[in-house]
Amino acid sequence: MALRDQLLASHDQFRRLVEEHTHYASQIDAIHGKHYLSEEDKLEEVRLKKLKLRVKDQMEMIERSFRTQHHVA
């Protein structure tokens, strides 16, 4: 089983972060789907990208910690 799958099955915080990451991605996609972006849309896109990156960084920290604790390559 892949590390990500193991974490999704057993780690509540990781699962929540994946859901959050997916939510931000879909919001960004919705903004990109507009024909015209207002200044508010552009600011919201930047905000969402920063949040998405923060969540990704947290997910990667959990993955590294899991690898270290369980000696996974």
PDB file of N, CA and C in Angstrom:
ATOM      1  N   MET A   1       0.844  -1.176   0.000  1.00  0.00           N
ATOM      2  CA  MET A   1       0.000   0.000   0.000  1.00  0.00           C
ATOM      3  C   MET A   1       0.896   1.248   0.000  1.00  0.00           C
ATOM      4  N   ALA A   2       0.561   2.221  -0.823  1.00  0.00           N
ATOM      5  CA  ALA A   2       1.348   3.452  -0.921  1.00  0.00           C
ATOM      6  C   ALA A   2       1.236   4.253   0.374  1.00  0.00           C
ATOM      7  N   LEU A   3       2.265   5.020   0.650  1.00  0.00           N
ATOM      8  CA  LEU A   3       2.306   5.813   1.884  1.00  0.00           C
ATOM      9  C   LEU A   3       1.090   6.717   1.997  1.00  0.00           C
ATOM     10  N   ARG A   4       0.754   7.398   0.917  1.00  0.00           N
ATOM     11  CA  ARG A   4      -0.407   8.303   0.938  1.00  0.00           C
ATOM     12  C   ARG A   4      -1.690   7.536   1.289  1.00  0.00           C
ATOM     13  N   ASP A   5      -1.858   6.362   0.720  1.00  0.00           N
ATOM     14  CA  ASP A   5      -3.034   5.546   1.006  1.00  0.00           C
ATOM     15  C   ASP A   5      -3.060   5.112   2.469  1.00  0.00           C
ATOM     16  N   GLN A   6      -1.896   4.758   3.002  1.00  0.00           N
ATOM     17  CA  GLN A   6      -1.816   4.376   4.415  1.00  0.00           C
ATOM     18  C   GLN A   6      -2.232   5.537   5.310  1.00  0.00           C
ATOM     19  N   LEU A   7      -1.724   6.718   4.995  1.00  0.00           N
ATOM     20  CA  LEU A   7      -2.050   7.889   5.795  1.00  0.00           C
ATOM     21  C   LEU A   7      -3.524   8.257   5.667  1.00  0.00           C
ATOM     22  N   LEU A   8      -4.074   8.146   4.479  1.00  0.00           N
ATOM     23  CA  LEU A   8      -5.500   8.435   4.298  1.00  0.00           C
ATOM     24  C   LEU A   8      -6.365   7.480   5.115  1.00  0.00           C
ATOM     25  N   ALA A   9      -5.923   6.237   5.215  1.00  0.00           N
ATOM     26  CA  ALA A   9      -6.689   5.232   5.947  1.00  0.00           C
ATOM     27  C   ALA A   9      -6.539   5.346   7.458  1.00  0.00           C
ATOM     28  N   SER A  10      -5.403   5.895   7.920  1.00  0.00           N
ATOM     29  CA  SER A  10      -5.143   5.804   9.351  1.00  0.00           C
ATOM     30  C   SER A  10      -4.878   7.129  10.062  1.00  0.00           C
ATOM     31  N   HIS A  11      -4.738   8.212   9.335  1.00  0.00           N
ATOM     32  CA  HIS A  11      -4.331   9.477   9.964  1.00  0.00           C
ATOM     33  C   HIS A  11      -5.404  10.544   9.716  1.00  0.00           C
ATOM     34  N   ASP A  12      -6.180  10.855  10.749  1.00  0.00           N
ATOM     35  CA  ASP A  12      -7.293  11.797  10.608  1.00  0.00           C
ATOM     36  C   ASP A  12      -6.849  13.178  10.150  1.00  0.00           C
ATOM     37  N   GLN A  13      -5.769  13.684  10.709  1.00  0.00           N
ATOM     38  CA  GLN A  13      -5.312  15.021  10.329  1.00  0.00           C
ATOM     39  C   GLN A  13      -4.875  15.047   8.858  1.00  0.00           C
ATOM     40  N   PHE A  14      -4.175  14.018   8.416  1.00  0.00           N
ATOM     41  CA  PHE A  14      -3.738  13.951   7.020  1.00  0.00           C
ATOM     42  C   PHE A  14      -4.952  13.928   6.100  1.00  0.00           C
ATOM     43  N   ARG A  15      -5.948  13.128   6.452  1.00  0.00           N
ATOM     44  CA  ARG A  15      -7.172  13.022   5.656  1.00  0.00           C
ATOM     45  C   ARG A  15      -7.877  14.382   5.572  1.00  0.00           C
ATOM     46  N   ARG A  16      -7.939  15.105   6.691  1.00  0.00           N
ATOM     47  CA  ARG A  16      -8.563  16.422   6.720  1.00  0.00           C
ATOM     48  C   ARG A  16      -7.793  17.397   5.834  1.00  0.00           C
ATOM     49  N   LEU A  17      -6.462  17.329   5.885  1.00  0.00           N
ATOM     50  CA  LEU A  17      -5.638  18.208   5.059  1.00  0.00           C
ATOM     51  C   LEU A  17      -5.825  17.923   3.570  1.00  0.00           C
ATOM     52  N   VAL A  18      -5.940  16.661   3.204  1.00  0.00           N
ATOM     53  CA  VAL A  18      -6.170  16.303   1.798  1.00  0.00           C
ATOM     54  C   VAL A  18      -7.510  16.882   1.335  1.00  0.00           C
ATOM     55  N   GLU A  19      -8.529  16.772   2.177  1.00  0.00           N
ATOM     56  CA  GLU A  19      -9.845  17.327   1.833  1.00  0.00           C
ATOM     57  C   GLU A  19      -9.771  18.841   1.680  1.00  0.00           C
ATOM     58  N   GLU A  20      -9.052  19.490   2.578  1.00  0.00           N
ATOM     59  CA  GLU A  20      -8.875  20.935   2.526  1.00  0.00           C
ATOM     60  C   GLU A  20      -8.134  21.339   1.243  1.00  0.00           C
ATOM     61  N   HIS A  21      -7.076  20.606   0.915  1.00  0.00           N
ATOM     62  CA  HIS A  21      -6.286  20.866  -0.290  1.00  0.00           C
ATOM     63  C   HIS A  21      -7.164  20.741  -1.536  1.00  0.00           C
ATOM     64  N   THR A  22      -7.971  19.711  -1.584  1.00  0.00           N
ATOM     65  CA  THR A  22      -8.875  19.483  -2.713  1.00  0.00           C
ATOM     66  C   THR A  22      -9.899  20.614  -2.817  1.00  0.00           C
ATOM     67  N   HIS A  23     -10.400  21.050  -1.679  1.00  0.00           N
ATOM     68  CA  HIS A  23     -11.372  22.146  -1.649  1.00  0.00           C
ATOM     69  C   HIS A  23     -10.756  23.429  -2.218  1.00  0.00           C
ATOM     70  N   TYR A  24      -9.548  23.762  -1.790  1.00  0.00           N
ATOM     71  CA  TYR A  24      -8.884  24.959  -2.302  1.00  0.00           C
ATOM     72  C   TYR A  24      -8.643  24.834  -3.802  1.00  0.00           C
ATOM     73  N   ALA A  25      -8.241  23.669  -4.257  1.00  0.00           N
ATOM     74  CA  ALA A  25      -7.988  23.452  -5.685  1.00  0.00           C
ATOM     75  C   ALA A  25      -9.262  23.666  -6.495  1.00  0.00           C
ATOM     76  N   SER A  26     -10.380  23.180  -6.000  1.00  0.00           N
ATOM     77  CA  SER A  26     -11.635  23.354  -6.746  1.00  0.00           C
ATOM     78  C   SER A  26     -12.073  24.817  -6.756  1.00  0.00           C
ATOM     79  N   GLN A  27     -11.808  25.542  -5.670  1.00  0.00           N
ATOM     80  CA  GLN A  27     -12.129  26.968  -5.645  1.00  0.00           C
ATOM     81  C   GLN A  27     -11.257  27.733  -6.648  1.00  0.00           C
ATOM     82  N   ILE A  28      -9.989  27.372  -6.740  1.00  0.00           N
ATOM     83  CA  ILE A  28      -9.086  28.004  -7.706  1.00  0.00           C
ATOM     84  C   ILE A  28      -9.553  27.690  -9.128  1.00  0.00           C
ATOM     85  N   ASP A  29      -9.942  26.446  -9.376  1.00  0.00           N
ATOM     86  CA  ASP A  29     -10.447  26.072 -10.697  1.00  0.00           C
ATOM     87  C   ASP A  29     -11.689  26.878 -11.066  1.00  0.00           C
ATOM     88  N   ALA A  30     -12.560  27.110 -10.091  1.00  0.00           N
ATOM     89  CA  ALA A  30     -13.775  27.894 -10.342  1.00  0.00           C
ATOM     90  C   ALA A  30     -13.415  29.324 -10.737  1.00  0.00           C
ATOM     91  N   ILE A  31     -12.418  29.888 -10.087  1.00  0.00           N
ATOM     92  CA  ILE A  31     -11.974  31.236 -10.442  1.00  0.00           C
ATOM     93  C   ILE A  31     -11.403  31.238 -11.859  1.00  0.00           C
ATOM     94  N   HIS A  32     -10.622  30.223 -12.190  1.00  0.00           N
ATOM     95  CA  HIS A  32     -10.022  30.141 -13.527  1.00  0.00           C
ATOM     96  C   HIS A  32     -11.080  29.949 -14.606  1.00  0.00           C
ATOM     97  N   GLY A  33     -12.230  29.433 -14.228  1.00  0.00           N
ATOM     98  CA  GLY A  33     -13.308  29.204 -15.184  1.00  0.00           C
ATOM     99  C   GLY A  33     -14.058  30.460 -15.586  1.00  0.00           C
ATOM    100  N   LYS A  34     -13.815  31.547 -14.902  1.00  0.00           N
ATOM    101  CA  LYS A  34     -14.499  32.802 -15.220  1.00  0.00           C
ATOM    102  C   LYS A  34     -13.865  33.442 -16.455  1.00  0.00           C
ATOM    103  N   HIS A  35     -14.684  34.125 -17.229  1.00  0.00           N
ATOM    104  CA  HIS A  35     -14.180  34.810 -18.425  1.00  0.00           C
ATOM    105  C   HIS A  35     -13.433  36.084 -18.074  1.00  0.00           C
ATOM    106  N   TYR A  36     -13.842  36.686 -16.986  1.00  0.00           N
ATOM    107  CA  TYR A  36     -13.214  37.927 -16.550  1.00  0.00           C
ATOM    108  C   TYR A  36     -12.934  37.824 -15.057  1.00  0.00           C
ATOM    109  N   LEU A  37     -11.733  38.198 -14.649  1.00  0.00           N
ATOM    110  CA  LEU A  37     -11.386  38.169 -13.228  1.00  0.00           C
ATOM    111  C   LEU A  37     -11.357  39.582 -12.683  1.00  0.00           C
ATOM    112  N   SER A  38     -12.168  39.802 -11.664  1.00  0.00           N
ATOM    113  CA  SER A  38     -12.146  41.091 -10.987  1.00  0.00           C
ATOM    114  C   SER A  38     -10.913  41.149 -10.088  1.00  0.00           C
ATOM    115  N   GLU A  39     -10.653  42.315  -9.551  1.00  0.00           N
ATOM    116  CA  GLU A  39      -9.538  42.452  -8.610  1.00  0.00           C
ATOM    117  C   GLU A  39      -9.753  41.554  -7.395  1.00  0.00           C
ATOM    118  N   GLU A  40     -11.002  41.436  -6.953  1.00  0.00           N
ATOM    119  CA  GLU A  40     -11.320  40.565  -5.818  1.00  0.00           C
ATOM    120  C   GLU A  40     -11.025  39.106  -6.152  1.00  0.00           C
ATOM    121  N   ASP A  41     -11.371  38.714  -7.389  1.00  0.00           N
ATOM    122  CA  ASP A  41     -11.081  37.342  -7.826  1.00  0.00           C
ATOM    123  C   ASP A  41      -9.578  37.072  -7.812  1.00  0.00           C
ATOM    124  N   LYS A  42      -8.811  38.040  -8.294  1.00  0.00           N
ATOM    125  CA  LYS A  42      -7.356  37.880  -8.339  1.00  0.00           C
ATOM    126  C   LYS A  42      -6.767  37.772  -6.936  1.00  0.00           C
ATOM    127  N   LEU A  43      -7.265  38.605  -6.031  1.00  0.00           N
ATOM    128  CA  LEU A  43      -6.799  38.534  -4.643  1.00  0.00           C
ATOM    129  C   LEU A  43      -7.200  37.217  -3.992  1.00  0.00           C
ATOM    130  N   GLU A  44      -8.409  36.780  -4.268  1.00  0.00           N
ATOM    131  CA  GLU A  44      -8.887  35.503  -3.717  1.00  0.00           C
ATOM    132  C   GLU A  44      -8.053  34.344  -4.251  1.00  0.00           C
ATOM    133  N   GLU A  45      -7.702  34.401  -5.527  1.00  0.00           N
ATOM    134  CA  GLU A  45      -6.867  33.351  -6.110  1.00  0.00           C
ATOM    135  C   GLU A  45      -5.516  33.275  -5.398  1.00  0.00           C
ATOM    136  N   VAL A  46      -4.903  34.409  -5.145  1.00  0.00           N
ATOM    137  CA  VAL A  46      -3.614  34.444  -4.445  1.00  0.00           C
ATOM    138  C   VAL A  46      -3.766  33.885  -3.038  1.00  0.00           C
ATOM    139  N   ARG A  47      -4.829  34.297  -2.354  1.00  0.00           N
ATOM    140  CA  ARG A  47      -5.073  33.816  -0.988  1.00  0.00           C
ATOM    141  C   ARG A  47      -5.248  32.300  -0.973  1.00  0.00           C
ATOM    142  N   LEU A  48      -6.058  31.783  -1.899  1.00  0.00           N
ATOM    143  CA  LEU A  48      -6.314  30.343  -1.969  1.00  0.00           C
ATOM    144  C   LEU A  48      -5.044  29.558  -2.304  1.00  0.00           C
ATOM    145  N   LYS A  49      -4.231  30.093  -3.194  1.00  0.00           N
ATOM    146  CA  LYS A  49      -2.979  29.407  -3.539  1.00  0.00           C
ATOM    147  C   LYS A  49      -2.044  29.330  -2.339  1.00  0.00           C
ATOM    148  N   LYS A  50      -2.010  30.397  -1.543  1.00  0.00           N
ATOM    149  CA  LYS A  50      -1.173  30.377  -0.342  1.00  0.00           C
ATOM    150  C   LYS A  50      -1.694  29.357   0.670  1.00  0.00           C
ATOM    151  N   LEU A  51      -3.011  29.305   0.844  1.00  0.00           N
ATOM    152  CA  LEU A  51      -3.595  28.326   1.762  1.00  0.00           C
ATOM    153  C   LEU A  51      -3.332  26.905   1.279  1.00  0.00           C
ATOM    154  N   LYS A  52      -3.501  26.696  -0.012  1.00  0.00           N
ATOM    155  CA  LYS A  52      -3.275  25.366  -0.594  1.00  0.00           C
ATOM    156  C   LYS A  52      -1.825  24.934  -0.393  1.00  0.00           C
ATOM    157  N   LEU A  53      -0.891  25.855  -0.593  1.00  0.00           N
ATOM    158  CA  LEU A  53       0.521  25.541  -0.398  1.00  0.00           C
ATOM    159  C   LEU A  53       0.826  25.243   1.070  1.00  0.00           C
ATOM    160  N   ARG A  54       0.229  26.002   1.983  1.00  0.00           N
ATOM    161  CA  ARG A  54       0.430  25.755   3.418  1.00  0.00           C
ATOM    162  C   ARG A  54      -0.049  24.348   3.787  1.00  0.00           C
ATOM    163  N   VAL A  55      -1.214  23.975   3.270  1.00  0.00           N
ATOM    164  CA  VAL A  55      -1.763  22.642   3.549  1.00  0.00           C
ATOM    165  C   VAL A  55      -0.855  21.565   2.955  1.00  0.00           C
ATOM    166  N   LYS A  56      -0.355  21.801   1.741  1.00  0.00           N
ATOM    167  CA  LYS A  56       0.546  20.828   1.111  1.00  0.00           C
ATOM    168  C   LYS A  56       1.804  20.643   1.950  1.00  0.00           C
ATOM    169  N   ASP A  57       2.347  21.747   2.448  1.00  0.00           N
ATOM    170  CA  ASP A  57       3.532  21.668   3.307  1.00  0.00           C
ATOM    171  C   ASP A  57       3.245  20.850   4.570  1.00  0.00           C
ATOM    172  N   GLN A  58       2.075  21.032   5.160  1.00  0.00           N
ATOM    173  CA  GLN A  58       1.705  20.264   6.350  1.00  0.00           C
ATOM    174  C   GLN A  58       1.578  18.780   6.016  1.00  0.00           C
ATOM    175  N   MET A  59       1.003  18.470   4.867  1.00  0.00           N
ATOM    176  CA  MET A  59       0.874  17.074   4.446  1.00  0.00           C
ATOM    177  C   MET A  59       2.257  16.442   4.267  1.00  0.00           C
ATOM    178  N   GLU A  60       3.169  17.183   3.665  1.00  0.00           N
ATOM    179  CA  GLU A  60       4.522  16.670   3.456  1.00  0.00           C
ATOM    180  C   GLU A  60       5.252  16.459   4.783  1.00  0.00           C
ATOM    181  N   MET A  61       5.011  17.323   5.755  1.00  0.00           N
ATOM    182  CA  MET A  61       5.622  17.135   7.080  1.00  0.00           C
ATOM    183  C   MET A  61       5.110  15.852   7.720  1.00  0.00           C
ATOM    184  N   ILE A  62       3.836  15.590   7.597  1.00  0.00           N
ATOM    185  CA  ILE A  62       3.264  14.354   8.151  1.00  0.00           C
ATOM    186  C   ILE A  62       3.866  13.143   7.450  1.00  0.00           C
ATOM    187  N   GLU A  63       3.992  13.227   6.121  1.00  0.00           N
ATOM    188  CA  GLU A  63       4.590  12.116   5.373  1.00  0.00           C
ATOM    189  C   GLU A  63       6.025  11.854   5.806  1.00  0.00           C
ATOM    190  N   ARG A  64       6.820  12.919   5.952  1.00  0.00           N
ATOM    191  CA  ARG A  64       8.219  12.761   6.399  1.00  0.00           C
ATOM    192  C   ARG A  64       8.280  12.152   7.787  1.00  0.00           C
ATOM    193  N   SER A  65       7.434  12.639   8.668  1.00  0.00           N
ATOM    194  CA  SER A  65       7.411  12.121  10.041  1.00  0.00           C
ATOM    195  C   SER A  65       7.038  10.642  10.049  1.00  0.00           C
ATOM    196  N   PHE A  66       6.047  10.263   9.243  1.00  0.00           N
ATOM    197  CA  PHE A  66       5.621   8.868   9.161  1.00  0.00           C
ATOM    198  C   PHE A  66       6.756   7.993   8.634  1.00  0.00           C
ATOM    199  N   ARG A  67       7.436   8.472   7.596  1.00  0.00           N
ATOM    200  CA  ARG A  67       8.570   7.706   7.032  1.00  0.00           C
ATOM    201  C   ARG A  67       9.650   7.488   8.078  1.00  0.00           C
ATOM    202  N   THR A  68       9.955   8.535   8.827  1.00  0.00           N
ATOM    203  CA  THR A  68      11.006   8.452   9.847  1.00  0.00           C
ATOM    204  C   THR A  68      10.603   7.480  10.962  1.00  0.00           C
ATOM    205  N   GLN A  69       9.382   7.599  11.442  1.00  0.00           N
ATOM    206  CA  GLN A  69       8.926   6.761  12.548  1.00  0.00           C
ATOM    207  C   GLN A  69       8.773   5.294  12.149  1.00  0.00           C
ATOM    208  N   HIS A  70       8.395   5.048  10.887  1.00  0.00           N
ATOM    209  CA  HIS A  70       8.126   3.675  10.463  1.00  0.00           C
ATOM    210  C   HIS A  70       9.197   3.129   9.523  1.00  0.00           C
ATOM    211  N   HIS A  71      10.282   3.880   9.362  1.00  0.00           N
ATOM    212  CA  HIS A  71      11.400   3.450   8.525  1.00  0.00           C
ATOM    213  C   HIS A  71      10.955   3.034   7.136  1.00  0.00           C
ATOM    214  N   VAL A  72      10.120   3.911   6.533  1.00  0.00           N
ATOM    215  CA  VAL A  72       9.614   3.669   5.185  1.00  0.00           C
ATOM    216  C   VAL A  72      10.463   4.465   4.218  1.00  0.00           C
ATOM    217  N   ALA A  73      10.787   3.853   3.083  1.00  0.00           N
ATOM    218  CA  ALA A  73      11.615   4.529   2.067  1.00  0.00           C
ATOM    219  C   ALA A  73      10.817   5.494   1.249  1.00  0.00           C
TER     220      ALA A  73
END
